PDB file of all heavy atoms in Angstrom:
ATOM      1  N   LEU A   1      28.667  98.755   1.861  1.00  0.00           N
ATOM      2  CA  LEU A   1      28.570  97.688   2.856  1.00  0.00           C
ATOM      3  C   LEU A   1      28.020  96.443   2.172  1.00  0.00           C
ATOM      4  O   LEU A   1      27.343  96.538   1.148  1.00  0.00           O
ATOM      5  CB  LEU A   1      27.642  98.107   4.001  1.00  0.00           C
ATOM      6  CG  LEU A   1      27.973  99.410   4.729  1.00  0.00           C
ATOM      7  CD1 LEU A   1      26.823  99.795   5.652  1.00  0.00           C
ATOM      8  CD2 LEU A   1      29.269  99.276   5.508  1.00  0.00           C
ATOM      9  N   THR A   2      28.308  95.287   2.724  1.00  0.00           N
ATOM     10  CA  THR A   2      27.764  94.034   2.197  1.00  0.00           C
ATOM     11  C   THR A   2      27.145  93.250   3.341  1.00  0.00           C
ATOM     12  O   THR A   2      27.814  92.954   4.341  1.00  0.00           O
ATOM     13  CB  THR A   2      28.856  93.190   1.517  1.00  0.00           C
ATOM     14  OG1 THR A   2      29.447  93.928   0.445  1.00  0.00           O
ATOM     15  CG2 THR A   2      28.244  91.906   0.964  1.00  0.00           C
ATOM     16  N   TYR A   3      25.848  92.930   3.190  1.00  0.00           N
ATOM     17  CA  TYR A   3      25.142  92.152   4.197  1.00  0.00           C
ATOM     18  C   TYR A   3      24.876  90.751   3.638  1.00  0.00           C
ATOM     19  O   TYR A   3      24.228  90.601   2.595  1.00  0.00           O
ATOM     20  CB  TYR A   3      23.828  92.814   4.581  1.00  0.00           C
ATOM     21  CG  TYR A   3      23.996  94.119   5.349  1.00  0.00           C
ATOM     22  CD1 TYR A   3      22.949  95.033   5.447  1.00  0.00           C
ATOM     23  CD2 TYR A   3      25.202  94.427   5.979  1.00  0.00           C
ATOM     24  CE1 TYR A   3      23.100  96.224   6.161  1.00  0.00           C
ATOM     25  CE2 TYR A   3      25.361  95.610   6.685  1.00  0.00           C
ATOM     26  CZ  TYR A   3      24.314  96.503   6.768  1.00  0.00           C
ATOM     27  OH  TYR A   3      24.483  97.677   7.472  1.00  0.00           O
ATOM     28  N   THR A   4      25.366  89.723   4.325  1.00  0.00           N
ATOM     29  CA  THR A   4      25.197  88.338   3.905  1.00  0.00           C
ATOM     30  C   THR A   4      24.262  87.618   4.874  1.00  0.00           C
ATOM     31  O   THR A   4      23.651  88.229   5.759  1.00  0.00           O
ATOM     32  CB  THR A   4      26.556  87.623   3.881  1.00  0.00           C
ATOM     33  OG1 THR A   4      27.068  87.565   5.221  1.00  0.00           O
ATOM     34  CG2 THR A   4      27.559  88.377   3.010  1.00  0.00           C
ATOM     35  N   TRP A   5      24.152  86.280   4.711  1.00  0.00           N
ATOM     36  CA  TRP A   5      23.325  85.473   5.597  1.00  0.00           C
ATOM     37  C   TRP A   5      23.677  85.696   7.060  1.00  0.00           C
ATOM     38  O   TRP A   5      22.816  85.608   7.929  1.00  0.00           O
ATOM     39  CB  TRP A   5      23.510  83.987   5.262  1.00  0.00           C
ATOM     40  CG  TRP A   5      22.762  83.519   4.072  1.00  0.00           C
ATOM     41  CD1 TRP A   5      23.263  83.284   2.833  1.00  0.00           C
ATOM     42  CD2 TRP A   5      21.366  83.206   3.983  1.00  0.00           C
ATOM     43  NE1 TRP A   5      22.285  82.862   1.973  1.00  0.00           N
ATOM     44  CE2 TRP A   5      21.107  82.787   2.667  1.00  0.00           C
ATOM     45  CE3 TRP A   5      20.311  83.230   4.897  1.00  0.00           C
ATOM     46  CZ2 TRP A   5      19.853  82.404   2.235  1.00  0.00           C
ATOM     47  CZ3 TRP A   5      19.054  82.849   4.471  1.00  0.00           C
ATOM     48  CH2 TRP A   5      18.828  82.445   3.159  1.00  0.00           C
ATOM     49  N   ARG A   6      24.948  85.937   7.327  1.00  0.00           N
ATOM     50  CA  ARG A   6      25.409  86.046   8.704  1.00  0.00           C
ATOM     51  C   ARG A   6      25.228  87.445   9.291  1.00  0.00           C
ATOM     52  O   ARG A   6      25.592  87.675  10.450  1.00  0.00           O
ATOM     53  CB  ARG A   6      26.889  85.654   8.779  1.00  0.00           C
ATOM     54  CG  ARG A   6      27.150  84.205   8.365  1.00  0.00           C
ATOM     55  CD  ARG A   6      28.626  83.867   8.473  1.00  0.00           C
ATOM     56  NE  ARG A   6      28.879  82.481   8.096  1.00  0.00           N
ATOM     57  CZ  ARG A   6      30.083  81.917   8.100  1.00  0.00           C
ATOM     58  NH1 ARG A   6      31.145  82.649   8.453  1.00  0.00           N
ATOM     59  NH2 ARG A   6      30.232  80.659   7.743  1.00  0.00           N
ATOM     60  N   SER A   7      24.707  88.371   8.501  1.00  0.00           N
ATOM     61  CA  SER A   7      24.557  89.754   8.961  1.00  0.00           C
ATOM     62  C   SER A   7      23.208  89.936   9.673  1.00  0.00           C
ATOM     63  O   SER A   7      22.153  89.799   9.041  1.00  0.00           O
ATOM     64  CB  SER A   7      24.652  90.729   7.783  1.00  0.00           C
ATOM     65  OG  SER A   7      25.874  90.589   7.104  1.00  0.00           O
ATOM     66  N   PRO A   8      23.228  90.242  10.969  1.00  0.00           N
ATOM     67  CA  PRO A   8      21.959  90.471  11.680  1.00  0.00           C
ATOM     68  C   PRO A   8      21.136  91.585  11.055  1.00  0.00           C
ATOM     69  O   PRO A   8      19.899  91.548  11.112  1.00  0.00           O
ATOM     70  CB  PRO A   8      22.417  90.849  13.102  1.00  0.00           C
ATOM     71  CG  PRO A   8      23.796  90.277  13.228  1.00  0.00           C
ATOM     72  CD  PRO A   8      24.395  90.366  11.859  1.00  0.00           C
ATOM     73  N   ARG A   9      21.811  92.569  10.446  1.00  0.00           N
ATOM     74  CA  ARG A   9      21.072  93.700   9.845  1.00  0.00           C
ATOM     75  C   ARG A   9      20.160  93.217   8.713  1.00  0.00           C
ATOM     76  O   ARG A   9      19.059  93.737   8.537  1.00  0.00           O
ATOM     77  CB  ARG A   9      22.048  94.752   9.312  1.00  0.00           C
ATOM     78  CG  ARG A   9      23.099  95.236  10.305  1.00  0.00           C
ATOM     79  CD  ARG A   9      22.523  96.105  11.384  1.00  0.00           C
ATOM     80  NE  ARG A   9      22.205  97.439  10.927  1.00  0.00           N
ATOM     81  CZ  ARG A   9      21.618  98.350  11.687  1.00  0.00           C
ATOM     82  NH1 ARG A   9      21.256  98.037  12.933  1.00  0.00           N
ATOM     83  NH2 ARG A   9      21.365  99.553  11.224  1.00  0.00           N
ATOM     84  N   LEU A  10      20.629  92.235   7.958  1.00  0.00           N
ATOM     85  CA  LEU A  10      19.796  91.694   6.883  1.00  0.00           C
ATOM     86  C   LEU A  10      18.548  91.039   7.450  1.00  0.00           C
ATOM     87  O   LEU A  10      17.445  91.193   6.912  1.00  0.00           O
ATOM     88  CB  LEU A  10      20.603  90.691   6.061  1.00  0.00           C
ATOM     89  CG  LEU A  10      19.813  89.930   4.980  1.00  0.00           C
ATOM     90  CD1 LEU A  10      19.283  90.893   3.928  1.00  0.00           C
ATOM     91  CD2 LEU A  10      20.694  88.858   4.334  1.00  0.00           C
ATOM     92  N   TRP A  11      18.689  90.328   8.558  1.00  0.00           N
ATOM     93  CA  TRP A  11      17.548  89.628   9.131  1.00  0.00           C
ATOM     94  C   TRP A  11      16.576  90.585   9.820  1.00  0.00           C
ATOM     95  O   TRP A  11      15.392  90.265   9.971  1.00  0.00           O
ATOM     96  CB  TRP A  11      18.030  88.551  10.091  1.00  0.00           C
ATOM     97  CG  TRP A  11      18.685  87.448   9.334  1.00  0.00           C
ATOM     98  CD1 TRP A  11      20.019  87.177   9.248  1.00  0.00           C
ATOM     99  CD2 TRP A  11      18.030  86.506   8.479  1.00  0.00           C
ATOM    100  NE1 TRP A  11      20.241  86.116   8.417  1.00  0.00           N
ATOM    101  CE2 TRP A  11      19.034  85.678   7.930  1.00  0.00           C
ATOM    102  CE3 TRP A  11      16.703  86.275   8.129  1.00  0.00           C
ATOM    103  CZ2 TRP A  11      18.743  84.649   7.047  1.00  0.00           C
ATOM    104  CZ3 TRP A  11      16.419  85.249   7.249  1.00  0.00           C
ATOM    105  CH2 TRP A  11      17.425  84.450   6.727  1.00  0.00           C
ATOM    106  N   ILE A  12      17.063  91.767  10.200  1.00  0.00           N
ATOM    107  CA  ILE A  12      16.139  92.793  10.705  1.00  0.00           C
ATOM    108  C   ILE A  12      15.204  93.226   9.580  1.00  0.00           C
ATOM    109  O   ILE A  12      13.987  93.366   9.769  1.00  0.00           O
ATOM    110  CB  ILE A  12      16.916  93.996  11.262  1.00  0.00           C
ATOM    111  CG1 ILE A  12      17.682  93.606  12.531  1.00  0.00           C
ATOM    112  CG2 ILE A  12      15.965  95.164  11.567  1.00  0.00           C
ATOM    113  CD1 ILE A  12      18.585  94.703  13.068  1.00  0.00           C
ATOM    114  N   VAL A  13      15.794  93.426   8.394  1.00  0.00           N
ATOM    115  CA  VAL A  13      14.973  93.795   7.231  1.00  0.00           C
ATOM    116  C   VAL A  13      14.011  92.663   6.883  1.00  0.00           C
ATOM    117  O   VAL A  13      12.815  92.894   6.654  1.00  0.00           O
ATOM    118  CB  VAL A  13      15.869  94.133   6.016  1.00  0.00           C
ATOM    119  CG1 VAL A  13      15.019  94.361   4.769  1.00  0.00           C
ATOM    120  CG2 VAL A  13      16.720  95.359   6.299  1.00  0.00           C
ATOM    121  N   ALA A  14      14.522  91.427   6.857  1.00  0.00           N
ATOM    122  CA  ALA A  14      13.672  90.275   6.521  1.00  0.00           C
ATOM    123  C   ALA A  14      12.520  90.131   7.518  1.00  0.00           C
ATOM    124  O   ALA A  14      11.366  89.909   7.125  1.00  0.00           O
ATOM    125  CB  ALA A  14      14.515  88.994   6.499  1.00  0.00           C
ATOM    126  N   GLY A  15      12.833  90.284   8.813  1.00  0.00           N
ATOM    127  CA  GLY A  15      11.790  90.184   9.826  1.00  0.00           C
ATOM    128  C   GLY A  15      10.766  91.294   9.700  1.00  0.00           C
ATOM    129  O   GLY A  15       9.556  91.071   9.878  1.00  0.00           O
ATOM    130  N   SER A  16      11.237  92.502   9.383  1.00  0.00           N
ATOM    131  CA  SER A  16      10.316  93.641   9.213  1.00  0.00           C
ATOM    132  C   SER A  16       9.379  93.403   8.043  1.00  0.00           C
ATOM    133  O   SER A  16       8.167  93.660   8.133  1.00  0.00           O
ATOM    134  CB  SER A  16      11.127  94.922   9.004  1.00  0.00           C
ATOM    135  OG  SER A  16      11.963  95.196  10.110  1.00  0.00           O
ATOM    136  N   VAL A  17       9.920  92.919   6.931  1.00  0.00           N
ATOM    137  CA  VAL A  17       9.089  92.631   5.754  1.00  0.00           C
ATOM    138  C   VAL A  17       8.067  91.549   6.081  1.00  0.00           C
ATOM    139  O   VAL A  17       6.892  91.639   5.703  1.00  0.00           O
ATOM    140  CB  VAL A  17       9.963  92.197   4.559  1.00  0.00           C
ATOM    141  CG1 VAL A  17       9.091  91.720   3.395  1.00  0.00           C
ATOM    142  CG2 VAL A  17      10.857  93.336   4.100  1.00  0.00           C
ATOM    143  N   LEU A  18       8.503  90.530   6.815  1.00  0.00           N
ATOM    144  CA  LEU A  18       7.596  89.443   7.186  1.00  0.00           C
ATOM    145  C   LEU A  18       6.425  89.963   8.023  1.00  0.00           C
ATOM    146  O   LEU A  18       5.258  89.632   7.758  1.00  0.00           O
ATOM    147  CB  LEU A  18       8.364  88.379   7.963  1.00  0.00           C
ATOM    148  CG  LEU A  18       7.549  87.207   8.531  1.00  0.00           C
ATOM    149  CD1 LEU A  18       6.819  86.467   7.420  1.00  0.00           C
ATOM    150  CD2 LEU A  18       8.446  86.255   9.304  1.00  0.00           C
ATOM    151  N   VAL A  19       6.713  90.797   9.002  1.00  0.00           N
ATOM    152  CA  VAL A  19       5.662  91.332   9.871  1.00  0.00           C
ATOM    153  C   VAL A  19       4.726  92.246   9.083  1.00  0.00           C
ATOM    154  O   VAL A  19       3.494  92.158   9.200  1.00  0.00           O
ATOM    155  CB  VAL A  19       6.285  92.089  11.064  1.00  0.00           C
ATOM    156  CG1 VAL A  19       5.198  92.835  11.845  1.00  0.00           C
ATOM    157  CG2 VAL A  19       7.025  91.133  11.980  1.00  0.00           C
ATOM    158  N   ILE A  20       5.299  93.127   8.268  1.00  0.00           N
ATOM    159  CA  ILE A  20       4.483  94.090   7.516  1.00  0.00           C
ATOM    160  C   ILE A  20       3.596  93.376   6.503  1.00  0.00           C
ATOM    161  O   ILE A  20       2.377  93.592   6.440  1.00  0.00           O
ATOM    162  CB  ILE A  20       5.392  95.115   6.812  1.00  0.00           C
ATOM    163  CG1 ILE A  20       6.102  95.990   7.837  1.00  0.00           C
ATOM    164  CG2 ILE A  20       4.576  95.988   5.845  1.00  0.00           C
ATOM    165  CD1 ILE A  20       7.229  96.823   7.251  1.00  0.00           C
ATOM    166  N   ALA A  21       4.214  92.517   5.664  1.00  0.00           N
ATOM    167  CA  ALA A  21       3.444  91.818   4.631  1.00  0.00           C
ATOM    168  C   ALA A  21       2.435  90.858   5.261  1.00  0.00           C
ATOM    169  O   ALA A  21       1.305  90.727   4.778  1.00  0.00           O
ATOM    170  CB  ALA A  21       4.384  91.058   3.698  1.00  0.00           C
ATOM    171  N   GLY A  22       2.839  90.198   6.366  1.00  0.00           N
ATOM    172  CA  GLY A  22       1.909  89.293   7.050  1.00  0.00           C
ATOM    173  C   GLY A  22       0.716  90.034   7.618  1.00  0.00           C
ATOM    174  O   GLY A  22      -0.429  89.571   7.524  1.00  0.00           O
ATOM    175  N   ALA A  23       0.972  91.214   8.207  1.00  0.00           N
ATOM    176  CA  ALA A  23      -0.125  92.023   8.753  1.00  0.00           C
ATOM    177  C   ALA A  23      -1.060  92.486   7.641  1.00  0.00           C
ATOM    178  O   ALA A  23      -2.290  92.474   7.787  1.00  0.00           O
ATOM    179  CB  ALA A  23       0.438  93.224   9.513  1.00  0.00           C
ATOM    180  N   ALA A  24      -0.485  92.884   6.501  1.00  0.00           N
ATOM    181  CA  ALA A  24      -1.298  93.339   5.372  1.00  0.00           C
ATOM    182  C   ALA A  24      -2.173  92.203   4.849  1.00  0.00           C
ATOM    183  O   ALA A  24      -3.357  92.399   4.548  1.00  0.00           O
ATOM    184  CB  ALA A  24      -0.395  93.875   4.263  1.00  0.00           C
ATOM    185  N   GLN A  25      -1.599  91.002   4.750  1.00  0.00           N
ATOM    186  CA  GLN A  25      -2.371  89.854   4.295  1.00  0.00           C
ATOM    187  C   GLN A  25      -3.477  89.499   5.287  1.00  0.00           C
ATOM    188  O   GLN A  25      -4.576  89.099   4.902  1.00  0.00           O
ATOM    189  CB  GLN A  25      -1.447  88.652   4.105  1.00  0.00           C
ATOM    190  CG  GLN A  25      -0.556  88.728   2.878  1.00  0.00           C
ATOM    191  CD  GLN A  25      -1.327  88.564   1.584  1.00  0.00           C
ATOM    192  OE1 GLN A  25      -1.784  89.546   0.983  1.00  0.00           O
ATOM    193  NE2 GLN A  25      -1.484  87.346   1.143  1.00  0.00           N
ATOM    194  N   PHE A  26      -3.186  89.639   6.564  1.00  0.00           N
ATOM    195  CA  PHE A  26      -4.178  89.334   7.587  1.00  0.00           C
ATOM    196  C   PHE A  26      -5.371  90.296   7.499  1.00  0.00           C
ATOM    197  O   PHE A  26      -6.525  89.880   7.616  1.00  0.00           O
ATOM    198  CB  PHE A  26      -3.547  89.423   8.980  1.00  0.00           C
ATOM    199  CG  PHE A  26      -4.523  89.199  10.105  1.00  0.00           C
ATOM    200  CD1 PHE A  26      -4.907  87.916  10.453  1.00  0.00           C
ATOM    201  CD2 PHE A  26      -5.075  90.264  10.803  1.00  0.00           C
ATOM    202  CE1 PHE A  26      -5.821  87.700  11.484  1.00  0.00           C
ATOM    203  CE2 PHE A  26      -5.986  90.062  11.824  1.00  0.00           C
ATOM    204  CZ  PHE A  26      -6.367  88.775  12.160  1.00  0.00           C
ATOM    205  N   VAL A  27      -5.095  91.578   7.283  1.00  0.00           N
ATOM    206  CA  VAL A  27      -6.171  92.572   7.151  1.00  0.00           C
ATOM    207  C   VAL A  27      -7.025  92.250   5.935  1.00  0.00           C
ATOM    208  O   VAL A  27      -8.259  92.373   5.952  1.00  0.00           O
ATOM    209  CB  VAL A  27      -5.576  93.992   7.047  1.00  0.00           C
ATOM    210  CG1 VAL A  27      -6.666  95.010   6.692  1.00  0.00           C
ATOM    211  CG2 VAL A  27      -4.908  94.383   8.359  1.00  0.00           C
ATOM    212  N   GLY A  28      -6.371  91.832   4.839  1.00  0.00           N
ATOM    213  CA  GLY A  28      -7.102  91.475   3.625  1.00  0.00           C
ATOM    214  C   GLY A  28      -7.607  92.685   2.863  1.00  0.00           C
ATOM    215  O   GLY A  28      -7.326  93.838   3.215  1.00  0.00           O
ATOM    216  N   ALA A  29      -8.374  92.436   1.831  1.00  0.00           N
ATOM    217  CA  ALA A  29      -8.931  93.518   1.017  1.00  0.00           C
ATOM    218  C   ALA A  29     -10.067  94.204   1.770  1.00  0.00           C
ATOM    219  O   ALA A  29     -10.897  93.541   2.391  1.00  0.00           O
ATOM    220  CB  ALA A  29      -9.421  92.972  -0.314  1.00  0.00           C
ATOM    221  N   GLN A  30     -10.093  95.516   1.692  1.00  0.00           N
ATOM    222  CA  GLN A  30     -11.129  96.312   2.356  1.00  0.00           C
ATOM    223  C   GLN A  30     -11.844  97.175   1.315  1.00  0.00           C
ATOM    224  O   GLN A  30     -11.191  97.862   0.525  1.00  0.00           O
ATOM    225  CB  GLN A  30     -10.502  97.202   3.437  1.00  0.00           C
ATOM    226  CG  GLN A  30      -9.798  96.440   4.550  1.00  0.00           C
ATOM    227  CD  GLN A  30     -10.759  95.645   5.399  1.00  0.00           C
ATOM    228  OE1 GLN A  30     -11.854  96.091   5.717  1.00  0.00           O
ATOM    229  NE2 GLN A  30     -10.353  94.438   5.776  1.00  0.00           N
ATOM    230  N   SER A  31     -13.157  97.137   1.315  1.00  0.00           N
ATOM    231  CA  SER A  31     -13.947  97.916   0.351  1.00  0.00           C
ATOM    232  C   SER A  31     -14.502  99.169   1.015  1.00  0.00           C
ATOM    233  O   SER A  31     -15.074  99.098   2.109  1.00  0.00           O
ATOM    234  CB  SER A  31     -15.100  97.068  -0.205  1.00  0.00           C
ATOM    235  OG  SER A  31     -14.587  95.960  -0.914  1.00  0.00           O
ATOM    236  N   ILE A  32     -14.320 100.286   0.339  1.00  0.00           N
ATOM    237  CA  ILE A  32     -14.803 101.573   0.843  1.00  0.00           C
ATOM    238  C   ILE A  32     -15.758 102.156  -0.197  1.00  0.00           C
ATOM    239  O   ILE A  32     -15.341 102.568  -1.279  1.00  0.00           O
ATOM    240  CB  ILE A  32     -13.632 102.549   1.080  1.00  0.00           C
ATOM    241  CG1 ILE A  32     -12.595 101.918   2.025  1.00  0.00           C
ATOM    242  CG2 ILE A  32     -14.141 103.866   1.646  1.00  0.00           C
ATOM    243  CD1 ILE A  32     -11.333 102.740   2.169  1.00  0.00           C
ATOM    244  N   PRO A  33     -17.067 102.201   0.081  1.00  0.00           N
ATOM    245  CA  PRO A  33     -18.012 102.751  -0.899  1.00  0.00           C
ATOM    246  C   PRO A  33     -17.860 104.260  -1.045  1.00  0.00           C
ATOM    247  O   PRO A  33     -17.639 104.969  -0.070  1.00  0.00           O
ATOM    248  CB  PRO A  33     -19.387 102.384  -0.310  1.00  0.00           C
ATOM    249  CG  PRO A  33     -19.137 102.213   1.153  1.00  0.00           C
ATOM    250  CD  PRO A  33     -17.733 101.717   1.297  1.00  0.00           C
ATOM    251  N   VAL A  34     -17.958 104.733  -2.281  1.00  0.00           N
ATOM    252  CA  VAL A  34     -17.902 106.166  -2.563  1.00  0.00           C
ATOM    253  C   VAL A  34     -19.261 106.560  -3.124  1.00  0.00           C
ATOM    254  O   VAL A  34     -19.475 106.611  -4.334  1.00  0.00           O
ATOM    255  CB  VAL A  34     -16.783 106.506  -3.570  1.00  0.00           C
ATOM    256  CG1 VAL A  34     -16.690 108.015  -3.786  1.00  0.00           C
ATOM    257  CG2 VAL A  34     -15.451 105.965  -3.084  1.00  0.00           C
ATOM    258  N   GLY A  35     -20.201 106.805  -2.220  1.00  0.00           N
ATOM    259  CA  GLY A  35     -21.566 107.126  -2.638  1.00  0.00           C
ATOM    260  C   GLY A  35     -22.145 105.968  -3.447  1.00  0.00           C
ATOM    261  O   GLY A  35     -21.903 104.800  -3.165  1.00  0.00           O
ATOM    262  N   SER A  36     -22.904 106.312  -4.465  1.00  0.00           N
ATOM    263  CA  SER A  36     -23.472 105.291  -5.351  1.00  0.00           C
ATOM    264  C   SER A  36     -22.650 105.132  -6.614  1.00  0.00           C
ATOM    265  O   SER A  36     -22.985 104.346  -7.497  1.00  0.00           O
ATOM    266  CB  SER A  36     -24.904 105.680  -5.739  1.00  0.00           C
ATOM    267  OG  SER A  36     -24.904 106.954  -6.388  1.00  0.00           O
ATOM    268  N   LEU A  37     -21.536 105.892  -6.684  1.00  0.00           N
ATOM    269  CA  LEU A  37     -20.731 105.920  -7.899  1.00  0.00           C
ATOM    270  C   LEU A  37     -19.879 104.674  -8.057  1.00  0.00           C
ATOM    271  O   LEU A  37     -19.913 103.988  -9.070  1.00  0.00           O
ATOM    272  CB  LEU A  37     -19.831 107.170  -7.893  1.00  0.00           C
ATOM    273  CG  LEU A  37     -18.928 107.354  -9.109  1.00  0.00           C
ATOM    274  CD1 LEU A  37     -19.756 107.579 -10.357  1.00  0.00           C
ATOM    275  CD2 LEU A  37     -17.969 108.523  -8.875  1.00  0.00           C
ATOM    276  N   ALA A  38     -19.100 104.367  -7.051  1.00  0.00           N
ATOM    277  CA  ALA A  38     -18.163 103.243  -7.156  1.00  0.00           C
ATOM    278  C   ALA A  38     -17.712 102.841  -5.764  1.00  0.00           C
ATOM    279  O   ALA A  38     -18.137 103.415  -4.759  1.00  0.00           O
ATOM    280  CB  ALA A  38     -16.969 103.638  -8.028  1.00  0.00           C
ATOM    281  N   THR A  39     -16.845 101.862  -5.731  1.00  0.00           N
ATOM    282  CA  THR A  39     -16.276 101.372  -4.482  1.00  0.00           C
ATOM    283  C   THR A  39     -14.758 101.288  -4.620  1.00  0.00           C
ATOM    284  O   THR A  39     -14.258 100.760  -5.615  1.00  0.00           O
ATOM    285  CB  THR A  39     -16.832  99.980  -4.130  1.00  0.00           C
ATOM    286  OG1 THR A  39     -18.248 100.074  -3.958  1.00  0.00           O
ATOM    287  CG2 THR A  39     -16.206  99.458  -2.842  1.00  0.00           C
TER     288      THR A  39
END
């Protein structure tokens, strides 16, 4: 199959990536301490 600019299926993927990556960036880095050893 070939998906071009005019293919709605391509924009579903683009929109999904935008939401996922945007949500990940919004959450930001999270630190989880592991005892006194490391984080």
